Each structure stands twice: as C-alpha cells, then as structure tokens.
Amino acid sequence: MPLPNPINGHLPPHLREVCTILAAGLVWLRSRAAEEAAREAADRGEPDLHFLAPQRLHANRTNRRPA
C-alpha cells in the first residue's frame, strides 16, 4: 500500500507554504522543549539514559545457549 502524499494537493500553494512554516515551527519548539527537559533533569542529578555504542551490550552475552 503506497504511503499518502505528505503535501496536500487540494490546498492552494500559499496555504501549503503556511502549513510548511507552521510544521517547521512546531518541530523546532518540540526539540527546544526536549532540550530544556533534559537540561532540567541533569540539574536535578538524574542520569542520562543514552549509552555509547561500546556500552550497548547484552547483560549475559557470554552465556549464550542454542535455541
């Protein structure tokens, strides 16, 4: 099943442009809010939940058994 076209073809071009600008603004606001929330959590001493690539291992990696 094909994905729907993200551009609303039934809207006039000037309204499509307004929608594009509004969508970009919402994305920017959400990213800014997420950054502020992360900064506040760090100020409270909460640990960062992101792991570096070498730290992404299974807990029992050496204790594997056949399925």
PDB file of N, CA and C in Angstrom:
ATOM      1  N   MET A   1       0.837  -1.168   0.000  1.00  0.00           N
ATOM      2  CA  MET A   1       0.000   0.000   0.000  1.00  0.00           C
ATOM      3  C   MET A   1       0.888   1.239   0.000  1.00  0.00           C
ATOM      4  N   PRO A   2       0.721   2.134  -0.950  1.00  0.00           N
ATOM      5  CA  PRO A   2       1.586   3.317  -1.013  1.00  0.00           C
ATOM      6  C   PRO A   2       1.258   4.299   0.105  1.00  0.00           C
ATOM      7  N   LEU A   3       2.298   4.994   0.550  1.00  0.00           N
ATOM      8  CA  LEU A   3       2.108   5.998   1.586  1.00  0.00           C
ATOM      9  C   LEU A   3       1.405   7.223   1.002  1.00  0.00           C
ATOM     10  N   PRO A   4       0.598   7.902   1.799  1.00  0.00           N
ATOM     11  CA  PRO A   4      -0.069   9.098   1.290  1.00  0.00           C
ATOM     12  C   PRO A   4       0.939  10.206   1.025  1.00  0.00           C
ATOM     13  N   ASN A   5       0.613  11.049   0.077  1.00  0.00           N
ATOM     14  CA  ASN A   5       1.477  12.173  -0.260  1.00  0.00           C
ATOM     15  C   ASN A   5       1.426  13.177   0.890  1.00  0.00           C
ATOM     16  N   PRO A   6       2.606  13.550   1.467  1.00  0.00           N
ATOM     17  CA  PRO A   6       2.578  14.460   2.603  1.00  0.00           C
ATOM     18  C   PRO A   6       2.135  15.874   2.236  1.00  0.00           C
ATOM     19  N   ILE A   7       2.187  16.221   0.971  1.00  0.00           N
ATOM     20  CA  ILE A   7       1.760  17.550   0.533  1.00  0.00           C
ATOM     21  C   ILE A   7       0.287  17.469   0.143  1.00  0.00           C
ATOM     22  N   ASN A   8      -0.522  18.311   0.758  1.00  0.00           N
ATOM     23  CA  ASN A   8      -1.947  18.334   0.447  1.00  0.00           C
ATOM     24  C   ASN A   8      -2.160  19.006  -0.900  1.00  0.00           C
ATOM     25  N   GLY A   9      -2.455  18.210  -1.909  1.00  0.00           N
ATOM     26  CA  GLY A   9      -2.632  18.749  -3.255  1.00  0.00           C
ATOM     27  C   GLY A   9      -3.884  19.575  -3.421  1.00  0.00           C
ATOM     28  N   HIS A  10      -4.840  19.395  -2.520  1.00  0.00           N
ATOM     29  CA  HIS A  10      -6.086  20.144  -2.648  1.00  0.00           C
ATOM     30  C   HIS A  10      -5.982  21.555  -2.073  1.00  0.00           C
ATOM     31  N   LEU A  11      -4.884  21.860  -1.374  1.00  0.00           N
ATOM     32  CA  LEU A  11      -4.711  23.196  -0.813  1.00  0.00           C
ATOM     33  C   LEU A  11      -4.036  24.122  -1.830  1.00  0.00           C
ATOM     34  N   PRO A  12      -4.376  25.386  -1.810  1.00  0.00           N
ATOM     35  CA  PRO A  12      -3.676  26.349  -2.669  1.00  0.00           C
ATOM     36  C   PRO A  12      -2.210  26.465  -2.234  1.00  0.00           C
ATOM     37  N   PRO A  13      -1.335  26.857  -3.140  1.00  0.00           N
ATOM     38  CA  PRO A  13       0.106  26.920  -2.825  1.00  0.00           C
ATOM     39  C   PRO A  13       0.434  27.797  -1.617  1.00  0.00           C
ATOM     40  N   HIS A  14      -0.256  28.921  -1.465  1.00  0.00           N
ATOM     41  CA  HIS A  14       0.077  29.794  -0.331  1.00  0.00           C
ATOM     42  C   HIS A  14      -0.284  29.145   1.007  1.00  0.00           C
ATOM     43  N   LEU A  15      -1.343  28.329   1.044  1.00  0.00           N
ATOM     44  CA  LEU A  15      -1.681  27.626   2.282  1.00  0.00           C
ATOM     45  C   LEU A  15      -0.710  26.475   2.549  1.00  0.00           C
ATOM     46  N   ARG A  16      -0.224  25.836   1.495  1.00  0.00           N
ATOM     47  CA  ARG A  16       0.789  24.793   1.669  1.00  0.00           C
ATOM     48  C   ARG A  16       2.053  25.384   2.287  1.00  0.00           C
ATOM     49  N   GLU A  17       2.404  26.592   1.828  1.00  0.00           N
ATOM     50  CA  GLU A  17       3.592  27.251   2.366  1.00  0.00           C
ATOM     51  C   GLU A  17       3.395  27.584   3.851  1.00  0.00           C
ATOM     52  N   VAL A  18       2.213  28.064   4.206  1.00  0.00           N
ATOM     53  CA  VAL A  18       1.916  28.365   5.607  1.00  0.00           C
ATOM     54  C   VAL A  18       1.990  27.090   6.445  1.00  0.00           C
ATOM     55  N   CYS A  19       1.443  25.994   5.945  1.00  0.00           N
ATOM     56  CA  CYS A  19       1.485  24.720   6.672  1.00  0.00           C
ATOM     57  C   CYS A  19       2.918  24.253   6.866  1.00  0.00           C
ATOM     58  N   THR A  20       3.746  24.420   5.851  1.00  0.00           N
ATOM     59  CA  THR A  20       5.150  24.029   5.946  1.00  0.00           C
ATOM     60  C   THR A  20       5.862  24.842   7.017  1.00  0.00           C
ATOM     61  N   ILE A  21       5.608  26.152   7.039  1.00  0.00           N
ATOM     62  CA  ILE A  21       6.239  27.022   8.036  1.00  0.00           C
ATOM     63  C   ILE A  21       5.765  26.656   9.443  1.00  0.00           C
ATOM     64  N   LEU A  22       4.464  26.420   9.603  1.00  0.00           N
ATOM     65  CA  LEU A  22       3.937  26.041  10.917  1.00  0.00           C
ATOM     66  C   LEU A  22       4.509  24.706  11.390  1.00  0.00           C
ATOM     67  N   ALA A  23       4.621  23.749  10.488  1.00  0.00           N
ATOM     68  CA  ALA A  23       5.169  22.443  10.859  1.00  0.00           C
ATOM     69  C   ALA A  23       6.626  22.568  11.299  1.00  0.00           C
ATOM     70  N   ALA A  24       7.400  23.367  10.585  1.00  0.00           N
ATOM     71  CA  ALA A  24       8.800  23.570  10.963  1.00  0.00           C
ATOM     72  C   ALA A  24       8.893  24.230  12.337  1.00  0.00           C
ATOM     73  N   GLY A  25       8.006  25.177  12.603  1.00  0.00           N
ATOM     74  CA  GLY A  25       7.996  25.836  13.904  1.00  0.00           C
ATOM     75  C   GLY A  25       7.641  24.882  15.031  1.00  0.00           C
ATOM     76  N   LEU A  26       6.690  23.994  14.790  1.00  0.00           N
ATOM     77  CA  LEU A  26       6.318  23.009  15.812  1.00  0.00           C
ATOM     78  C   LEU A  26       7.456  22.044  16.099  1.00  0.00           C
ATOM     79  N   VAL A  27       8.151  21.615  15.067  1.00  0.00           N
ATOM     80  CA  VAL A  27       9.293  20.714  15.262  1.00  0.00           C
ATOM     81  C   VAL A  27      10.364  21.419  16.082  1.00  0.00           C
ATOM     82  N   TRP A  28      10.616  22.674  15.774  1.00  0.00           N
ATOM     83  CA  TRP A  28      11.622  23.441  16.495  1.00  0.00           C
ATOM     84  C   TRP A  28      11.229  23.598  17.968  1.00  0.00           C
ATOM     85  N   LEU A  29       9.962  23.929  18.224  1.00  0.00           N
ATOM     86  CA  LEU A  29       9.506  24.099  19.608  1.00  0.00           C
ATOM     87  C   LEU A  29       9.605  22.802  20.396  1.00  0.00           C
ATOM     88  N   ARG A  30       9.236  21.674  19.775  1.00  0.00           N
ATOM     89  CA  ARG A  30       9.308  20.385  20.467  1.00  0.00           C
ATOM     90  C   ARG A  30      10.750  20.014  20.779  1.00  0.00           C
ATOM     91  N   SER A  31      11.667  20.273  19.854  1.00  0.00           N
ATOM     92  CA  SER A  31      13.068  19.948  20.115  1.00  0.00           C
ATOM     93  C   SER A  31      13.627  20.844  21.214  1.00  0.00           C
ATOM     94  N   ARG A  32      13.220  22.102  21.224  1.00  0.00           N
ATOM     95  CA  ARG A  32      13.677  23.023  22.266  1.00  0.00           C
ATOM     96  C   ARG A  32      13.134  22.588  23.632  1.00  0.00           C
ATOM     97  N   ALA A  33      11.872  22.181  23.681  1.00  0.00           N
ATOM     98  CA  ALA A  33      11.288  21.719  24.940  1.00  0.00           C
ATOM     99  C   ALA A  33      11.994  20.460  25.429  1.00  0.00           C
ATOM    100  N   ALA A  34      12.344  19.563  24.512  1.00  0.00           N
ATOM    101  CA  ALA A  34      13.042  18.340  24.899  1.00  0.00           C
ATOM    102  C   ALA A  34      14.431  18.663  25.443  1.00  0.00           C
ATOM    103  N   GLU A  35      15.122  19.620  24.830  1.00  0.00           N
ATOM    104  CA  GLU A  35      16.443  20.023  25.319  1.00  0.00           C
ATOM    105  C   GLU A  35      16.333  20.622  26.713  1.00  0.00           C
ATOM    106  N   GLU A  36      15.326  21.459  26.940  1.00  0.00           N
ATOM    107  CA  GLU A  36      15.142  22.073  28.253  1.00  0.00           C
ATOM    108  C   GLU A  36      14.817  21.016  29.309  1.00  0.00           C
ATOM    109  N   ALA A  37      13.993  20.040  28.958  1.00  0.00           N
ATOM    110  CA  ALA A  37      13.656  18.978  29.905  1.00  0.00           C
ATOM    111  C   ALA A  37      14.895  18.164  30.254  1.00  0.00           C
ATOM    112  N   ALA A  38      15.733  17.883  29.275  1.00  0.00           N
ATOM    113  CA  ALA A  38      16.966  17.129  29.529  1.00  0.00           C
ATOM    114  C   ALA A  38      17.907  17.941  30.412  1.00  0.00           C
ATOM    115  N   ARG A  39      17.986  19.225  30.164  1.00  0.00           N
ATOM    116  CA  ARG A  39      18.846  20.093  30.964  1.00  0.00           C
ATOM    117  C   ARG A  39      18.358  20.152  32.415  1.00  0.00           C
ATOM    118  N   GLU A  40      17.044  20.258  32.617  1.00  0.00           N
ATOM    119  CA  GLU A  40      16.485  20.287  33.968  1.00  0.00           C
ATOM    120  C   GLU A  40      16.721  18.961  34.686  1.00  0.00           C
ATOM    121  N   ALA A  41      16.601  17.856  33.975  1.00  0.00           N
ATOM    122  CA  ALA A  41      16.847  16.545  34.583  1.00  0.00           C
ATOM    123  C   ALA A  41      18.309  16.423  35.001  1.00  0.00           C
ATOM    124  N   ALA A  42      19.211  16.938  34.188  1.00  0.00           N
ATOM    125  CA  ALA A  42      20.637  16.895  34.533  1.00  0.00           C
ATOM    126  C   ALA A  42      20.910  17.765  35.753  1.00  0.00           C
ATOM    127  N   ASP A  43      20.219  18.902  35.853  1.00  0.00           N
ATOM    128  CA  ASP A  43      20.394  19.776  37.015  1.00  0.00           C
ATOM    129  C   ASP A  43      19.912  19.105  38.293  1.00  0.00           C
ATOM    130  N   ARG A  44      18.902  18.240  38.194  1.00  0.00           N
ATOM    131  CA  ARG A  44      18.384  17.520  39.357  1.00  0.00           C
ATOM    132  C   ARG A  44      19.237  16.296  39.698  1.00  0.00           C
ATOM    133  N   GLY A  45      20.217  16.011  38.874  1.00  0.00           N
ATOM    134  CA  GLY A  45      21.095  14.879  39.133  1.00  0.00           C
ATOM    135  C   GLY A  45      20.600  13.575  38.566  1.00  0.00           C
ATOM    136  N   GLU A  46      19.594  13.604  37.704  1.00  0.00           N
ATOM    137  CA  GLU A  46      19.106  12.369  37.095  1.00  0.00           C
ATOM    138  C   GLU A  46      20.103  11.904  36.043  1.00  0.00           C
ATOM    139  N   PRO A  47      20.350  10.612  35.966  1.00  0.00           N
ATOM    140  CA  PRO A  47      21.331  10.119  34.998  1.00  0.00           C
ATOM    141  C   PRO A  47      20.823  10.219  33.560  1.00  0.00           C
ATOM    142  N   ASP A  48      21.755  10.376  32.652  1.00  0.00           N
ATOM    143  CA  ASP A  48      21.433  10.382  31.227  1.00  0.00           C
ATOM    144  C   ASP A  48      21.216   8.938  30.794  1.00  0.00           C
ATOM    145  N   LEU A  49      20.143   8.666  30.089  1.00  0.00           N
ATOM    146  CA  LEU A  49      19.819   7.291  29.710  1.00  0.00           C
ATOM    147  C   LEU A  49      20.422   6.872  28.379  1.00  0.00           C
ATOM    148  N   HIS A  50      21.180   7.731  27.749  1.00  0.00           N
ATOM    149  CA  HIS A  50      21.801   7.384  26.474  1.00  0.00           C
ATOM    150  C   HIS A  50      23.101   6.623  26.744  1.00  0.00           C
ATOM    151  N   PHE A  51      23.357   5.614  25.941  1.00  0.00           N
ATOM    152  CA  PHE A  51      24.548   4.816  26.079  1.00  0.00           C
ATOM    153  C   PHE A  51      25.423   5.002  24.845  1.00  0.00           C
ATOM    154  N   LEU A  52      26.727   4.973  25.046  1.00  0.00           N
ATOM    155  CA  LEU A  52      27.651   4.996  23.934  1.00  0.00           C
ATOM    156  C   LEU A  52      27.631   3.630  23.252  1.00  0.00           C
ATOM    157  N   ALA A  53      28.052   3.572  22.013  1.00  0.00           N
ATOM    158  CA  ALA A  53      27.997   2.328  21.245  1.00  0.00           C
ATOM    159  C   ALA A  53      28.709   1.161  21.940  1.00  0.00           C
ATOM    160  N   PRO A  54      29.922   1.345  22.510  1.00  0.00           N
ATOM    161  CA  PRO A  54      30.573   0.206  23.181  1.00  0.00           C
ATOM    162  C   PRO A  54      29.827  -0.267  24.426  1.00  0.00           C
ATOM    163  N   GLN A  55      28.972   0.555  24.995  1.00  0.00           N
ATOM    164  CA  GLN A  55      28.244   0.181  26.198  1.00  0.00           C
ATOM    165  C   GLN A  55      26.964  -0.579  25.884  1.00  0.00           C
ATOM    166  N   ARG A  56      26.572  -0.660  24.636  1.00  0.00           N
ATOM    167  CA  ARG A  56      25.326  -1.322  24.253  1.00  0.00           C
ATOM    168  C   ARG A  56      25.563  -2.815  24.075  1.00  0.00           C
ATOM    169  N   LEU A  57      25.583  -3.519  25.162  1.00  0.00           N
ATOM    170  CA  LEU A  57      25.809  -4.965  25.141  1.00  0.00           C
ATOM    171  C   LEU A  57      24.707  -5.643  25.929  1.00  0.00           C
ATOM    172  N   HIS A  58      24.493  -6.912  25.638  1.00  0.00           N
ATOM    173  CA  HIS A  58      23.544  -7.699  26.410  1.00  0.00           C
ATOM    174  C   HIS A  58      24.163  -8.063  27.752  1.00  0.00           C
ATOM    175  N   ALA A  59      23.350  -8.202  28.760  1.00  0.00           N
ATOM    176  CA  ALA A  59      23.865  -8.496  30.095  1.00  0.00           C
ATOM    177  C   ALA A  59      24.530  -9.864  30.143  1.00  0.00           C
ATOM    178  N   ASN A  60      23.987 -10.858  29.479  1.00  0.00           N
ATOM    179  CA  ASN A  60      24.542 -12.223  29.515  1.00  0.00           C
ATOM    180  C   ASN A  60      25.107 -12.602  28.162  1.00  0.00           C
ATOM    181  N   ARG A  61      25.913 -11.765  27.596  1.00  0.00           N
ATOM    182  CA  ARG A  61      26.424 -12.004  26.252  1.00  0.00           C
ATOM    183  C   ARG A  61      27.276 -13.275  26.170  1.00  0.00           C
ATOM    184  N   THR A  62      28.042 -13.582  27.183  1.00  0.00           N
ATOM    185  CA  THR A  62      28.924 -14.768  27.120  1.00  0.00           C
ATOM    186  C   THR A  62      28.174 -16.037  27.500  1.00  0.00           C
ATOM    187  N   ASN A  63      26.989 -15.941  28.027  1.00  0.00           N
ATOM    188  CA  ASN A  63      26.247 -17.127  28.470  1.00  0.00           C
ATOM    189  C   ASN A  63      25.164 -17.514  27.463  1.00  0.00           C
ATOM    190  N   ARG A  64      25.491 -17.499  26.194  1.00  0.00           N
ATOM    191  CA  ARG A  64      24.510 -17.878  25.185  1.00  0.00           C
ATOM    192  C   ARG A  64      24.390 -19.382  25.099  1.00  0.00           C
ATOM    193  N   ARG A  65      23.199 -19.838  24.768  1.00  0.00           N
ATOM    194  CA  ARG A  65      22.966 -21.271  24.568  1.00  0.00           C
ATOM    195  C   ARG A  65      22.142 -21.438  23.296  1.00  0.00           C
ATOM    196  N   PRO A  66      22.225 -22.590  22.671  1.00  0.00           N
ATOM    197  CA  PRO A  66      21.465 -22.790  21.426  1.00  0.00           C
ATOM    198  C   PRO A  66      19.953 -22.761  21.701  1.00  0.00           C
ATOM    199  N   ALA A  67      19.237 -22.295  20.723  1.00  0.00           N
ATOM    200  CA  ALA A  67      17.783 -22.199  20.869  1.00  0.00           C
ATOM    201  C   ALA A  67      17.126 -23.542  20.755  1.00  0.00           C
TER     202      ALA A  67
END
